[in-house]
N, C-alpha and C. Protein backbone atom coordinates (compact mmCIF):
# COMPACT_ATOMS: atom_id res chain seq x y z
N UNK A 1 -14.60 -16.68 -11.75
CA UNK A 1 -13.23 -17.20 -11.89
C UNK A 1 -12.49 -16.44 -12.98
N UNK A 2 -11.24 -16.04 -12.72
CA UNK A 2 -10.45 -15.31 -13.70
C UNK A 2 -10.08 -16.21 -14.86
N UNK A 3 -10.24 -15.67 -16.08
CA UNK A 3 -9.85 -16.41 -17.28
C UNK A 3 -8.42 -16.07 -17.64
N UNK A 4 -7.58 -17.09 -17.71
CA UNK A 4 -6.19 -16.89 -18.07
C UNK A 4 -5.91 -17.54 -19.42
N UNK A 5 -4.89 -17.02 -20.11
CA UNK A 5 -4.47 -17.59 -21.38
C UNK A 5 -3.91 -18.99 -21.18
N UNK A 6 -4.11 -19.83 -22.18
CA UNK A 6 -3.51 -21.17 -22.14
C UNK A 6 -1.99 -21.10 -22.23
N UNK A 7 -1.49 -20.04 -22.88
CA UNK A 7 -0.04 -19.84 -22.97
C UNK A 7 0.41 -19.09 -21.72
N UNK A 8 1.07 -19.79 -20.83
CA UNK A 8 1.49 -19.18 -19.57
C UNK A 8 2.96 -18.74 -19.58
N UNK A 9 3.61 -18.79 -20.75
CA UNK A 9 5.03 -18.49 -20.82
C UNK A 9 5.38 -17.25 -21.65
N UNK A 10 4.65 -16.99 -22.72
CA UNK A 10 5.03 -15.93 -23.65
C UNK A 10 4.80 -14.56 -23.05
N UNK A 11 5.86 -13.75 -23.00
CA UNK A 11 5.75 -12.41 -22.42
C UNK A 11 5.26 -11.42 -23.47
N UNK A 12 4.51 -10.39 -23.05
CA UNK A 12 4.01 -9.39 -23.99
C UNK A 12 5.09 -8.38 -24.36
N UNK A 13 4.89 -7.67 -25.47
CA UNK A 13 5.71 -6.51 -25.76
C UNK A 13 5.26 -5.38 -24.84
N UNK A 14 6.21 -4.56 -24.36
CA UNK A 14 5.80 -3.49 -23.45
C UNK A 14 6.76 -2.33 -23.54
N UNK A 15 6.27 -1.16 -23.14
CA UNK A 15 7.05 0.06 -23.04
C UNK A 15 7.88 -0.03 -21.76
N UNK A 16 9.20 0.16 -21.81
CA UNK A 16 10.01 0.03 -20.60
C UNK A 16 9.90 1.22 -19.64
N UNK A 17 9.23 2.31 -20.05
CA UNK A 17 9.15 3.51 -19.23
C UNK A 17 8.02 3.39 -18.21
N UNK A 18 8.36 3.03 -16.99
CA UNK A 18 7.35 2.82 -15.96
C UNK A 18 6.58 4.09 -15.63
N UNK A 19 7.28 5.22 -15.51
CA UNK A 19 6.60 6.47 -15.15
C UNK A 19 5.50 6.83 -16.14
N UNK A 20 5.65 6.44 -17.37
CA UNK A 20 4.65 6.76 -18.40
C UNK A 20 3.49 5.78 -18.41
N UNK A 21 3.56 4.74 -17.59
CA UNK A 21 2.56 3.67 -17.66
C UNK A 21 2.03 3.26 -16.29
N UNK A 22 2.04 4.16 -15.33
CA UNK A 22 1.61 3.83 -13.97
C UNK A 22 0.11 3.96 -13.75
N UNK A 23 -0.62 4.46 -14.73
CA UNK A 23 -2.06 4.59 -14.56
C UNK A 23 -2.40 5.40 -13.32
N UNK A 24 -3.29 4.91 -12.46
CA UNK A 24 -3.73 5.66 -11.28
C UNK A 24 -2.65 5.83 -10.21
N UNK A 25 -1.51 5.14 -10.36
CA UNK A 25 -0.42 5.27 -9.40
C UNK A 25 0.51 6.44 -9.72
N UNK A 26 0.35 7.05 -10.90
CA UNK A 26 1.32 8.08 -11.34
C UNK A 26 1.43 9.23 -10.35
N UNK A 27 0.31 9.64 -9.76
CA UNK A 27 0.33 10.77 -8.83
C UNK A 27 0.99 10.49 -7.51
N UNK A 28 1.38 9.22 -7.26
CA UNK A 28 2.04 8.86 -6.01
C UNK A 28 3.55 8.75 -6.15
N UNK A 29 4.06 8.77 -7.37
CA UNK A 29 5.49 8.55 -7.58
C UNK A 29 6.29 9.73 -7.04
N UNK A 30 7.35 9.42 -6.31
CA UNK A 30 8.22 10.47 -5.78
C UNK A 30 8.49 10.29 -4.30
N UNK A 31 8.98 11.36 -3.69
CA UNK A 31 9.30 11.37 -2.27
C UNK A 31 8.37 12.38 -1.59
N UNK A 32 7.78 11.96 -0.48
CA UNK A 32 6.70 12.74 0.14
C UNK A 32 6.89 12.83 1.64
N UNK A 33 6.33 13.89 2.21
CA UNK A 33 6.29 14.02 3.66
C UNK A 33 4.88 14.42 4.09
N UNK A 34 4.47 13.88 5.24
CA UNK A 34 3.18 14.22 5.82
C UNK A 34 3.37 14.64 7.26
N UNK A 35 2.80 15.78 7.64
CA UNK A 35 3.06 16.34 8.98
C UNK A 35 1.83 16.32 9.88
N UNK A 36 0.70 15.83 9.38
CA UNK A 36 -0.53 15.86 10.18
C UNK A 36 -1.20 14.49 10.21
N UNK A 37 -0.42 13.44 10.36
CA UNK A 37 -0.98 12.10 10.42
C UNK A 37 -1.73 11.85 11.72
N UNK A 38 -2.75 11.00 11.64
CA UNK A 38 -3.51 10.62 12.83
C UNK A 38 -3.64 9.11 12.86
N UNK A 39 -3.26 8.53 13.99
CA UNK A 39 -3.34 7.09 14.23
C UNK A 39 -4.33 6.85 15.37
N UNK A 40 -5.31 6.00 15.15
CA UNK A 40 -6.24 5.59 16.21
C UNK A 40 -5.94 4.14 16.51
N UNK A 41 -5.33 3.87 17.68
CA UNK A 41 -4.76 2.56 17.97
C UNK A 41 -5.39 1.98 19.23
N UNK A 42 -5.29 0.65 19.40
CA UNK A 42 -5.86 0.02 20.60
C UNK A 42 -4.91 0.08 21.78
N UNK A 43 -5.47 0.36 22.96
CA UNK A 43 -4.75 0.28 24.22
C UNK A 43 -5.65 -0.43 25.23
N UNK A 44 -5.07 -0.82 26.37
CA UNK A 44 -5.83 -1.57 27.36
C UNK A 44 -7.07 -0.82 27.84
N UNK A 45 -6.99 0.51 27.87
CA UNK A 45 -8.12 1.31 28.34
C UNK A 45 -9.00 1.82 27.20
N UNK A 46 -8.77 1.31 25.98
CA UNK A 46 -9.60 1.70 24.84
C UNK A 46 -8.80 2.35 23.73
N UNK A 47 -9.51 2.97 22.78
CA UNK A 47 -8.86 3.61 21.63
C UNK A 47 -8.08 4.84 22.07
N UNK A 48 -6.92 5.03 21.47
CA UNK A 48 -6.10 6.20 21.76
C UNK A 48 -5.67 6.86 20.45
N UNK A 49 -5.73 8.19 20.42
CA UNK A 49 -5.30 8.95 19.25
C UNK A 49 -3.85 9.37 19.40
N UNK A 50 -3.10 9.25 18.29
CA UNK A 50 -1.70 9.64 18.28
C UNK A 50 -1.37 10.37 16.98
N UNK A 51 -0.83 11.57 17.09
CA UNK A 51 -0.35 12.30 15.92
C UNK A 51 0.98 11.70 15.46
N UNK A 52 1.25 11.78 14.15
CA UNK A 52 2.55 11.33 13.65
C UNK A 52 2.93 12.12 12.41
N UNK A 53 4.23 12.12 12.13
CA UNK A 53 4.78 12.67 10.89
C UNK A 53 5.45 11.52 10.16
N UNK A 54 5.54 11.63 8.84
CA UNK A 54 6.11 10.51 8.10
C UNK A 54 6.78 10.96 6.80
N UNK A 55 7.63 10.08 6.31
CA UNK A 55 8.27 10.21 5.00
C UNK A 55 7.88 8.98 4.20
N UNK A 56 7.45 9.20 2.98
CA UNK A 56 6.93 8.12 2.13
C UNK A 56 7.64 8.22 0.79
N UNK A 57 8.49 7.24 0.48
CA UNK A 57 9.23 7.25 -0.78
C UNK A 57 8.69 6.14 -1.68
N UNK A 58 8.32 6.52 -2.91
CA UNK A 58 7.78 5.57 -3.89
C UNK A 58 8.53 5.75 -5.20
N UNK A 59 9.34 4.75 -5.56
CA UNK A 59 10.19 4.84 -6.75
C UNK A 59 9.79 3.80 -7.79
N UNK A 60 9.81 4.17 -9.07
CA UNK A 60 9.43 3.24 -10.14
C UNK A 60 10.39 2.06 -10.25
N UNK A 61 9.82 0.90 -10.45
CA UNK A 61 10.60 -0.31 -10.73
C UNK A 61 10.46 -0.64 -12.21
N UNK A 62 11.34 -1.48 -12.72
CA UNK A 62 11.20 -1.93 -14.11
C UNK A 62 9.91 -2.74 -14.27
N UNK A 63 9.31 -2.73 -15.46
CA UNK A 63 8.12 -3.55 -15.70
C UNK A 63 8.37 -5.00 -15.33
N UNK A 64 7.36 -5.63 -14.74
CA UNK A 64 7.46 -7.00 -14.26
C UNK A 64 6.47 -7.89 -15.03
N UNK A 65 6.95 -9.05 -15.48
CA UNK A 65 6.09 -9.99 -16.20
C UNK A 65 6.03 -11.32 -15.48
N UNK A 66 4.86 -11.93 -15.52
CA UNK A 66 4.66 -13.33 -15.16
C UNK A 66 4.11 -13.99 -16.42
N UNK A 67 5.00 -14.46 -17.30
CA UNK A 67 4.50 -14.91 -18.60
C UNK A 67 3.76 -13.77 -19.27
N UNK A 68 2.48 -13.95 -19.64
CA UNK A 68 1.74 -12.90 -20.33
C UNK A 68 1.27 -11.76 -19.42
N UNK A 69 1.37 -11.91 -18.12
CA UNK A 69 0.93 -10.86 -17.21
C UNK A 69 1.99 -9.76 -17.13
N UNK A 70 1.53 -8.50 -17.07
CA UNK A 70 2.44 -7.36 -17.04
C UNK A 70 2.02 -6.39 -15.94
N UNK A 71 2.99 -6.01 -15.09
CA UNK A 71 2.78 -5.01 -14.05
C UNK A 71 3.75 -3.86 -14.23
N UNK A 72 3.26 -2.64 -13.99
CA UNK A 72 4.10 -1.48 -13.74
C UNK A 72 3.93 -1.13 -12.27
N UNK A 73 5.02 -0.64 -11.64
CA UNK A 73 4.84 -0.45 -10.21
C UNK A 73 5.80 0.50 -9.54
N UNK A 74 5.54 0.71 -8.25
CA UNK A 74 6.34 1.55 -7.38
C UNK A 74 6.79 0.74 -6.16
N UNK A 75 8.07 0.77 -5.88
CA UNK A 75 8.59 0.19 -4.63
C UNK A 75 8.53 1.29 -3.57
N UNK A 76 7.98 0.97 -2.39
CA UNK A 76 7.82 2.05 -1.41
C UNK A 76 8.44 1.72 -0.06
N UNK A 77 8.78 2.80 0.65
CA UNK A 77 9.19 2.71 2.03
C UNK A 77 8.48 3.82 2.79
N UNK A 78 7.73 3.45 3.81
CA UNK A 78 6.99 4.39 4.64
C UNK A 78 7.61 4.38 6.03
N UNK A 79 8.00 5.56 6.52
CA UNK A 79 8.63 5.65 7.83
C UNK A 79 7.96 6.77 8.61
N UNK A 80 7.42 6.45 9.78
CA UNK A 80 6.70 7.43 10.59
C UNK A 80 7.33 7.52 11.98
N UNK A 81 7.16 8.68 12.59
CA UNK A 81 7.62 8.90 13.96
C UNK A 81 6.67 9.89 14.64
N UNK A 82 6.70 9.92 15.96
CA UNK A 82 5.93 10.90 16.70
C UNK A 82 6.58 12.27 16.54
N UNK A 83 5.78 13.34 16.51
CA UNK A 83 6.38 14.68 16.37
C UNK A 83 7.41 14.96 17.46
N UNK A 84 8.59 15.46 17.05
CA UNK A 84 9.64 15.81 17.99
C UNK A 84 10.48 14.65 18.46
N UNK A 85 10.18 13.42 17.98
CA UNK A 85 10.97 12.25 18.39
C UNK A 85 11.73 11.68 17.19
N UNK A 86 12.85 11.01 17.46
CA UNK A 86 13.66 10.44 16.40
C UNK A 86 13.34 8.97 16.15
N UNK A 87 12.91 8.24 17.19
CA UNK A 87 12.74 6.80 17.04
C UNK A 87 11.54 6.48 16.14
N UNK A 88 11.61 5.31 15.55
CA UNK A 88 10.58 4.88 14.61
C UNK A 88 9.26 4.60 15.31
N UNK A 89 8.19 5.13 14.75
CA UNK A 89 6.84 4.83 15.22
C UNK A 89 6.21 3.74 14.35
N UNK A 90 6.46 3.82 13.04
CA UNK A 90 5.97 2.79 12.13
C UNK A 90 6.91 2.70 10.95
N UNK A 91 7.20 1.49 10.51
CA UNK A 91 8.05 1.25 9.34
C UNK A 91 7.36 0.21 8.47
N UNK A 92 7.32 0.48 7.16
CA UNK A 92 6.60 -0.42 6.25
C UNK A 92 7.23 -0.35 4.87
N UNK A 93 7.34 -1.51 4.23
CA UNK A 93 7.87 -1.57 2.86
C UNK A 93 6.94 -2.41 2.00
N UNK A 94 7.10 -2.27 0.68
CA UNK A 94 6.30 -3.09 -0.22
C UNK A 94 6.25 -2.50 -1.61
N UNK A 95 5.22 -2.89 -2.37
CA UNK A 95 5.04 -2.43 -3.74
C UNK A 95 3.58 -2.04 -3.97
N UNK A 96 3.39 -1.01 -4.78
CA UNK A 96 2.10 -0.75 -5.42
C UNK A 96 2.26 -1.15 -6.89
N UNK A 97 1.38 -2.01 -7.39
CA UNK A 97 1.48 -2.55 -8.74
C UNK A 97 0.21 -2.25 -9.53
N UNK A 98 0.39 -1.89 -10.80
CA UNK A 98 -0.72 -1.58 -11.70
C UNK A 98 -0.67 -2.56 -12.88
N UNK A 99 -1.79 -3.23 -13.13
CA UNK A 99 -1.90 -4.16 -14.26
C UNK A 99 -2.83 -3.54 -15.30
N UNK A 100 -2.27 -2.92 -16.36
CA UNK A 100 -3.11 -2.21 -17.33
C UNK A 100 -4.15 -3.10 -17.99
N UNK A 101 -3.84 -4.37 -18.24
CA UNK A 101 -4.75 -5.25 -18.97
C UNK A 101 -6.05 -5.50 -18.23
N UNK A 102 -6.01 -5.47 -16.90
CA UNK A 102 -7.20 -5.80 -16.11
C UNK A 102 -7.72 -4.64 -15.26
N UNK A 103 -6.95 -3.55 -15.17
CA UNK A 103 -7.35 -2.45 -14.29
C UNK A 103 -7.18 -2.77 -12.82
N UNK A 104 -6.33 -3.75 -12.51
CA UNK A 104 -6.11 -4.15 -11.12
C UNK A 104 -4.96 -3.38 -10.50
N UNK A 105 -5.11 -3.03 -9.24
CA UNK A 105 -4.04 -2.45 -8.43
C UNK A 105 -3.79 -3.40 -7.26
N UNK A 106 -2.52 -3.70 -7.01
CA UNK A 106 -2.14 -4.57 -5.90
C UNK A 106 -1.17 -3.79 -5.01
N UNK A 107 -1.35 -3.90 -3.71
CA UNK A 107 -0.37 -3.41 -2.75
C UNK A 107 0.13 -4.57 -1.92
N UNK A 108 1.45 -4.71 -1.83
CA UNK A 108 2.03 -5.65 -0.89
C UNK A 108 2.51 -4.87 0.32
N UNK A 109 2.30 -5.44 1.51
CA UNK A 109 2.59 -4.78 2.78
C UNK A 109 3.48 -5.69 3.62
N UNK A 110 4.56 -5.16 4.15
CA UNK A 110 5.39 -5.91 5.09
C UNK A 110 5.83 -4.98 6.19
N UNK A 111 5.58 -5.38 7.45
CA UNK A 111 5.98 -4.57 8.60
C UNK A 111 6.83 -5.43 9.53
N UNK A 112 7.79 -4.79 10.24
CA UNK A 112 8.76 -5.56 11.03
C UNK A 112 8.23 -5.99 12.39
N UNK A 113 6.94 -6.23 12.48
CA UNK A 113 6.38 -6.89 13.65
C UNK A 113 5.96 -8.32 13.31
N UNK A 114 6.37 -8.78 12.13
CA UNK A 114 6.04 -10.13 11.71
C UNK A 114 4.66 -10.23 11.10
N UNK A 115 4.38 -9.36 10.12
CA UNK A 115 3.07 -9.39 9.47
C UNK A 115 3.20 -8.92 8.03
N UNK A 116 2.50 -9.62 7.13
CA UNK A 116 2.48 -9.26 5.72
C UNK A 116 1.04 -9.35 5.22
N UNK A 117 0.78 -8.63 4.11
CA UNK A 117 -0.55 -8.67 3.51
C UNK A 117 -0.42 -8.32 2.04
N UNK A 118 -1.43 -8.72 1.25
CA UNK A 118 -1.51 -8.31 -0.15
C UNK A 118 -2.95 -7.92 -0.42
N UNK A 119 -3.14 -6.64 -0.82
CA UNK A 119 -4.47 -6.08 -1.03
C UNK A 119 -4.69 -5.79 -2.50
N UNK A 120 -5.95 -5.80 -2.94
CA UNK A 120 -6.27 -5.61 -4.35
C UNK A 120 -7.49 -4.73 -4.51
N UNK A 121 -7.55 -4.03 -5.64
CA UNK A 121 -8.71 -3.24 -6.01
C UNK A 121 -8.69 -2.99 -7.50
N UNK A 122 -9.72 -2.32 -8.00
CA UNK A 122 -9.86 -2.02 -9.42
C UNK A 122 -9.97 -0.52 -9.62
N UNK A 123 -9.44 -0.02 -10.73
CA UNK A 123 -9.54 1.40 -11.05
C UNK A 123 -9.28 1.61 -12.53
N UNK A 124 -9.82 2.70 -13.05
CA UNK A 124 -9.50 3.12 -14.41
C UNK A 124 -8.11 3.73 -14.43
N UNK A 125 -7.49 3.77 -15.61
CA UNK A 125 -6.14 4.30 -15.72
C UNK A 125 -6.05 5.76 -15.30
N UNK A 126 -7.13 6.53 -15.45
CA UNK A 126 -7.11 7.94 -15.10
C UNK A 126 -7.82 8.22 -13.77
N UNK A 127 -8.06 7.20 -12.97
CA UNK A 127 -8.78 7.37 -11.71
C UNK A 127 -7.98 8.24 -10.74
N UNK A 128 -8.70 9.09 -9.99
CA UNK A 128 -8.07 9.93 -8.98
C UNK A 128 -8.19 9.34 -7.59
N UNK A 129 -8.85 8.20 -7.46
CA UNK A 129 -8.94 7.52 -6.17
C UNK A 129 -9.15 6.03 -6.40
N UNK A 130 -8.76 5.24 -5.42
CA UNK A 130 -8.98 3.80 -5.49
C UNK A 130 -8.94 3.24 -4.08
N UNK A 131 -9.51 2.05 -3.92
CA UNK A 131 -9.55 1.37 -2.62
C UNK A 131 -9.07 -0.06 -2.80
N UNK A 132 -8.22 -0.51 -1.87
CA UNK A 132 -7.64 -1.85 -1.91
C UNK A 132 -7.99 -2.58 -0.62
N UNK A 133 -8.20 -3.91 -0.73
CA UNK A 133 -8.64 -4.69 0.42
C UNK A 133 -7.89 -6.01 0.47
N UNK A 134 -7.46 -6.41 1.67
CA UNK A 134 -6.95 -7.75 1.95
C UNK A 134 -7.79 -8.34 3.08
N UNK A 135 -8.07 -9.64 2.99
CA UNK A 135 -8.93 -10.29 3.96
C UNK A 135 -8.26 -11.55 4.50
N UNK A 136 -8.30 -11.72 5.80
CA UNK A 136 -7.73 -12.93 6.39
C UNK A 136 -8.39 -14.17 5.79
N UNK A 137 -7.57 -15.13 5.41
CA UNK A 137 -8.08 -16.38 4.87
C UNK A 137 -8.24 -16.42 3.37
N UNK A 138 -8.13 -15.25 2.70
CA UNK A 138 -8.25 -15.25 1.24
C UNK A 138 -7.03 -15.92 0.64
N UNK A 139 -7.25 -16.75 -0.36
CA UNK A 139 -6.16 -17.54 -0.93
C UNK A 139 -5.13 -16.69 -1.64
N UNK A 140 -5.54 -15.56 -2.22
CA UNK A 140 -4.60 -14.71 -2.96
C UNK A 140 -4.34 -13.39 -2.26
N UNK A 141 -5.40 -12.71 -1.85
CA UNK A 141 -5.26 -11.37 -1.30
C UNK A 141 -5.59 -11.42 0.19
N UNK A 142 -4.62 -11.95 0.95
CA UNK A 142 -4.85 -12.24 2.36
C UNK A 142 -3.88 -11.55 3.28
N UNK A 143 -3.88 -12.00 4.53
CA UNK A 143 -3.07 -11.44 5.62
C UNK A 143 -2.41 -12.60 6.36
N UNK A 144 -1.14 -12.45 6.66
CA UNK A 144 -0.42 -13.48 7.40
C UNK A 144 0.30 -12.82 8.58
N UNK A 145 0.05 -13.33 9.79
CA UNK A 145 0.58 -12.72 11.01
C UNK A 145 1.39 -13.73 11.81
N UNK A 146 2.35 -13.21 12.59
CA UNK A 146 3.10 -14.10 13.46
C UNK A 146 2.17 -14.60 14.57
N UNK A 147 2.54 -15.71 15.25
CA UNK A 147 1.61 -16.35 16.19
C UNK A 147 1.09 -15.44 17.30
N UNK A 148 1.93 -14.52 17.81
CA UNK A 148 1.44 -13.64 18.88
C UNK A 148 0.38 -12.68 18.37
N UNK A 149 0.62 -12.06 17.19
CA UNK A 149 -0.38 -11.14 16.64
C UNK A 149 -1.68 -11.89 16.38
N UNK A 150 -1.58 -13.09 15.81
CA UNK A 150 -2.79 -13.88 15.56
C UNK A 150 -3.53 -14.21 16.86
N UNK A 151 -2.79 -14.38 17.95
CA UNK A 151 -3.38 -14.69 19.25
C UNK A 151 -4.02 -13.47 19.90
N UNK A 152 -3.32 -12.32 19.86
CA UNK A 152 -3.74 -11.16 20.65
C UNK A 152 -4.47 -10.10 19.86
N UNK A 153 -4.09 -9.92 18.59
CA UNK A 153 -4.66 -8.86 17.74
C UNK A 153 -4.97 -9.45 16.37
N UNK A 154 -5.86 -10.39 16.32
CA UNK A 154 -6.15 -11.16 15.12
C UNK A 154 -6.68 -10.24 14.02
N UNK A 155 -5.89 -10.06 12.96
CA UNK A 155 -6.23 -9.11 11.90
C UNK A 155 -7.14 -9.76 10.88
N UNK A 156 -8.35 -9.20 10.75
CA UNK A 156 -9.37 -9.76 9.87
C UNK A 156 -9.38 -9.11 8.50
N UNK A 157 -9.08 -7.81 8.45
CA UNK A 157 -9.17 -7.09 7.17
C UNK A 157 -8.24 -5.89 7.20
N UNK A 158 -7.63 -5.62 6.05
CA UNK A 158 -6.85 -4.41 5.82
C UNK A 158 -7.48 -3.69 4.63
N UNK A 159 -7.72 -2.40 4.79
CA UNK A 159 -8.37 -1.62 3.73
C UNK A 159 -7.69 -0.26 3.66
N UNK A 160 -7.35 0.17 2.44
CA UNK A 160 -6.75 1.48 2.25
C UNK A 160 -7.44 2.18 1.09
N UNK A 161 -7.80 3.44 1.29
CA UNK A 161 -8.32 4.29 0.23
C UNK A 161 -7.31 5.38 -0.05
N UNK A 162 -6.92 5.50 -1.32
CA UNK A 162 -5.94 6.51 -1.75
C UNK A 162 -6.66 7.52 -2.63
N UNK A 163 -6.38 8.81 -2.40
CA UNK A 163 -6.97 9.88 -3.21
C UNK A 163 -5.86 10.80 -3.70
N UNK A 164 -5.80 11.00 -5.01
CA UNK A 164 -4.87 11.94 -5.62
C UNK A 164 -5.57 13.30 -5.65
N UNK A 165 -5.04 14.27 -4.95
CA UNK A 165 -5.70 15.56 -4.80
C UNK A 165 -5.32 16.54 -5.91
N UNK A 166 -6.20 17.49 -6.18
CA UNK A 166 -5.99 18.46 -7.26
C UNK A 166 -4.80 19.37 -7.01
N UNK A 167 -4.39 19.54 -5.75
CA UNK A 167 -3.29 20.45 -5.43
C UNK A 167 -1.92 19.78 -5.51
N UNK A 168 -1.87 18.54 -6.03
CA UNK A 168 -0.59 17.86 -6.17
C UNK A 168 -0.20 17.00 -5.00
N UNK A 169 -1.00 16.99 -3.95
CA UNK A 169 -0.77 16.09 -2.82
C UNK A 169 -1.55 14.79 -3.05
N UNK A 170 -1.33 13.82 -2.17
CA UNK A 170 -2.20 12.65 -2.16
C UNK A 170 -2.45 12.24 -0.71
N UNK A 171 -3.56 11.60 -0.49
CA UNK A 171 -3.99 11.24 0.86
C UNK A 171 -4.32 9.76 0.93
N UNK A 172 -4.18 9.21 2.12
CA UNK A 172 -4.62 7.84 2.34
C UNK A 172 -5.43 7.75 3.62
N UNK A 173 -6.31 6.78 3.64
CA UNK A 173 -7.15 6.50 4.81
C UNK A 173 -7.18 4.99 4.98
N UNK A 174 -6.59 4.49 6.06
CA UNK A 174 -6.48 3.05 6.30
C UNK A 174 -7.39 2.61 7.43
N UNK A 175 -7.89 1.40 7.30
CA UNK A 175 -8.69 0.79 8.37
C UNK A 175 -8.27 -0.66 8.50
N UNK A 176 -7.67 -1.02 9.62
CA UNK A 176 -7.26 -2.39 9.90
C UNK A 176 -8.21 -2.94 10.96
N UNK A 177 -9.00 -3.93 10.58
CA UNK A 177 -10.01 -4.48 11.48
C UNK A 177 -9.41 -5.69 12.19
N UNK A 178 -9.46 -5.67 13.52
CA UNK A 178 -8.86 -6.76 14.28
C UNK A 178 -9.75 -7.16 15.45
N UNK A 179 -9.65 -8.43 15.81
CA UNK A 179 -10.29 -8.93 17.02
C UNK A 179 -9.22 -8.98 18.11
N UNK A 180 -9.40 -8.16 19.14
CA UNK A 180 -8.44 -8.10 20.23
C UNK A 180 -8.86 -9.09 21.32
N UNK A 181 -7.91 -9.85 21.78
CA UNK A 181 -8.21 -10.88 22.77
C UNK A 181 -8.89 -10.28 24.00
N UNK A 182 -10.01 -10.86 24.41
CA UNK A 182 -10.75 -10.38 25.56
C UNK A 182 -11.84 -9.39 25.23
N UNK A 183 -11.93 -8.96 23.96
CA UNK A 183 -12.98 -8.03 23.55
C UNK A 183 -14.01 -8.75 22.68
N UNK A 184 -15.23 -8.24 22.71
CA UNK A 184 -16.33 -8.89 21.98
C UNK A 184 -16.55 -8.34 20.58
N UNK A 185 -16.17 -7.06 20.37
CA UNK A 185 -16.42 -6.42 19.09
C UNK A 185 -15.10 -6.14 18.37
N UNK A 186 -15.10 -6.17 17.04
CA UNK A 186 -13.89 -5.84 16.29
C UNK A 186 -13.43 -4.41 16.58
N UNK A 187 -12.13 -4.20 16.56
CA UNK A 187 -11.54 -2.87 16.73
C UNK A 187 -11.07 -2.37 15.37
N UNK A 188 -11.34 -1.12 15.07
CA UNK A 188 -10.91 -0.50 13.82
C UNK A 188 -9.68 0.37 14.09
N UNK A 189 -8.52 -0.15 13.73
CA UNK A 189 -7.26 0.59 13.88
C UNK A 189 -7.09 1.44 12.62
N UNK A 190 -7.20 2.77 12.78
CA UNK A 190 -7.25 3.65 11.63
C UNK A 190 -6.03 4.57 11.58
N UNK A 191 -5.61 4.86 10.34
CA UNK A 191 -4.53 5.82 10.09
C UNK A 191 -4.90 6.66 8.87
N UNK A 192 -4.53 7.95 8.93
CA UNK A 192 -4.74 8.79 7.76
C UNK A 192 -3.70 9.90 7.73
N UNK A 193 -3.41 10.38 6.53
CA UNK A 193 -2.47 11.47 6.37
C UNK A 193 -2.58 12.01 4.95
N UNK A 194 -2.06 13.22 4.75
CA UNK A 194 -1.92 13.83 3.43
C UNK A 194 -0.45 14.09 3.19
N UNK A 195 0.05 13.68 2.03
CA UNK A 195 1.47 13.72 1.72
C UNK A 195 1.77 14.85 0.73
N UNK A 196 2.84 15.61 1.03
CA UNK A 196 3.30 16.71 0.18
C UNK A 196 4.64 16.33 -0.45
N UNK A 197 4.77 16.58 -1.74
CA UNK A 197 5.98 16.16 -2.46
C UNK A 197 7.20 16.96 -2.02
N UNK A 198 8.29 16.24 -1.72
CA UNK A 198 9.57 16.87 -1.40
C UNK A 198 10.68 16.41 -2.35
N UNK A 199 10.37 15.47 -3.25
CA UNK A 199 11.37 15.00 -4.19
C UNK A 199 10.72 14.31 -5.38
N UNK A 200 11.30 14.47 -6.56
CA UNK A 200 10.77 13.86 -7.77
C UNK A 200 11.16 12.38 -7.86
N UNK A 201 10.38 11.56 -8.54
CA UNK A 201 10.75 10.16 -8.72
C UNK A 201 11.92 10.01 -9.70
N UNK A 202 12.69 8.96 -9.50
CA UNK A 202 13.75 8.62 -10.45
C UNK A 202 13.15 7.76 -11.56
N UNK A 203 13.63 7.89 -12.80
CA UNK A 203 13.22 6.93 -13.83
C UNK A 203 13.62 5.51 -13.41
N UNK A 204 12.87 4.53 -13.87
CA UNK A 204 13.20 3.14 -13.54
C UNK A 204 14.54 2.74 -14.16
N UNK A 205 15.20 1.71 -13.60
CA UNK A 205 16.57 1.39 -14.02
C UNK A 205 16.74 1.18 -15.53
N UNK A 206 15.77 0.53 -16.19
CA UNK A 206 15.90 0.28 -17.62
C UNK A 206 15.95 1.57 -18.42
N UNK A 207 15.22 2.58 -17.97
CA UNK A 207 15.22 3.88 -18.65
C UNK A 207 16.48 4.67 -18.31
N UNK A 208 16.91 4.64 -17.05
CA UNK A 208 18.14 5.33 -16.65
C UNK A 208 19.33 4.75 -17.40
N UNK A 209 19.31 3.43 -17.61
CA UNK A 209 20.44 2.77 -18.25
C UNK A 209 20.59 3.11 -19.71
């Protein structure tokens, strides 16, 4: 069980410069593009592979407090499409949050098919990789789906591994485990890509101001 302070109101002193305090998230800040994405998705006749390209923007937010708790973070928007097509293939928004006091990383996920999740993991401030997990039914770090998704593609687990590469890129590898109606074994819906920087991050509003 996590030990919390009896004082749940007093906020800590903190450095307002988010970019200087992102810990393992620092290498993800900015605007990125990936041209060699691979999606392994479920279809009626089995797993199907689909290439995709994407733009991933992660911008620093002002430090966030919950009483004594302190987060530094990035607000993100991920937009993917099939090569040569304009229409959206995948759209996702949320936050990556770093809690220096505990070494916790949290990702919030929201997609416009009526599904949200919150995943968590641990890492050192100088870590070059980390893994985050959300599990259906977990009271804090869980998954919530609209009734049709829960009926047809019941999502049991979301897992993402992020690696900050030595060449200045970063990569992710996702595995979404789901029970598809009419099938006996879980399906692993996987996505991966490597992102190349195309734009620098903006300082957070408190620093810009």
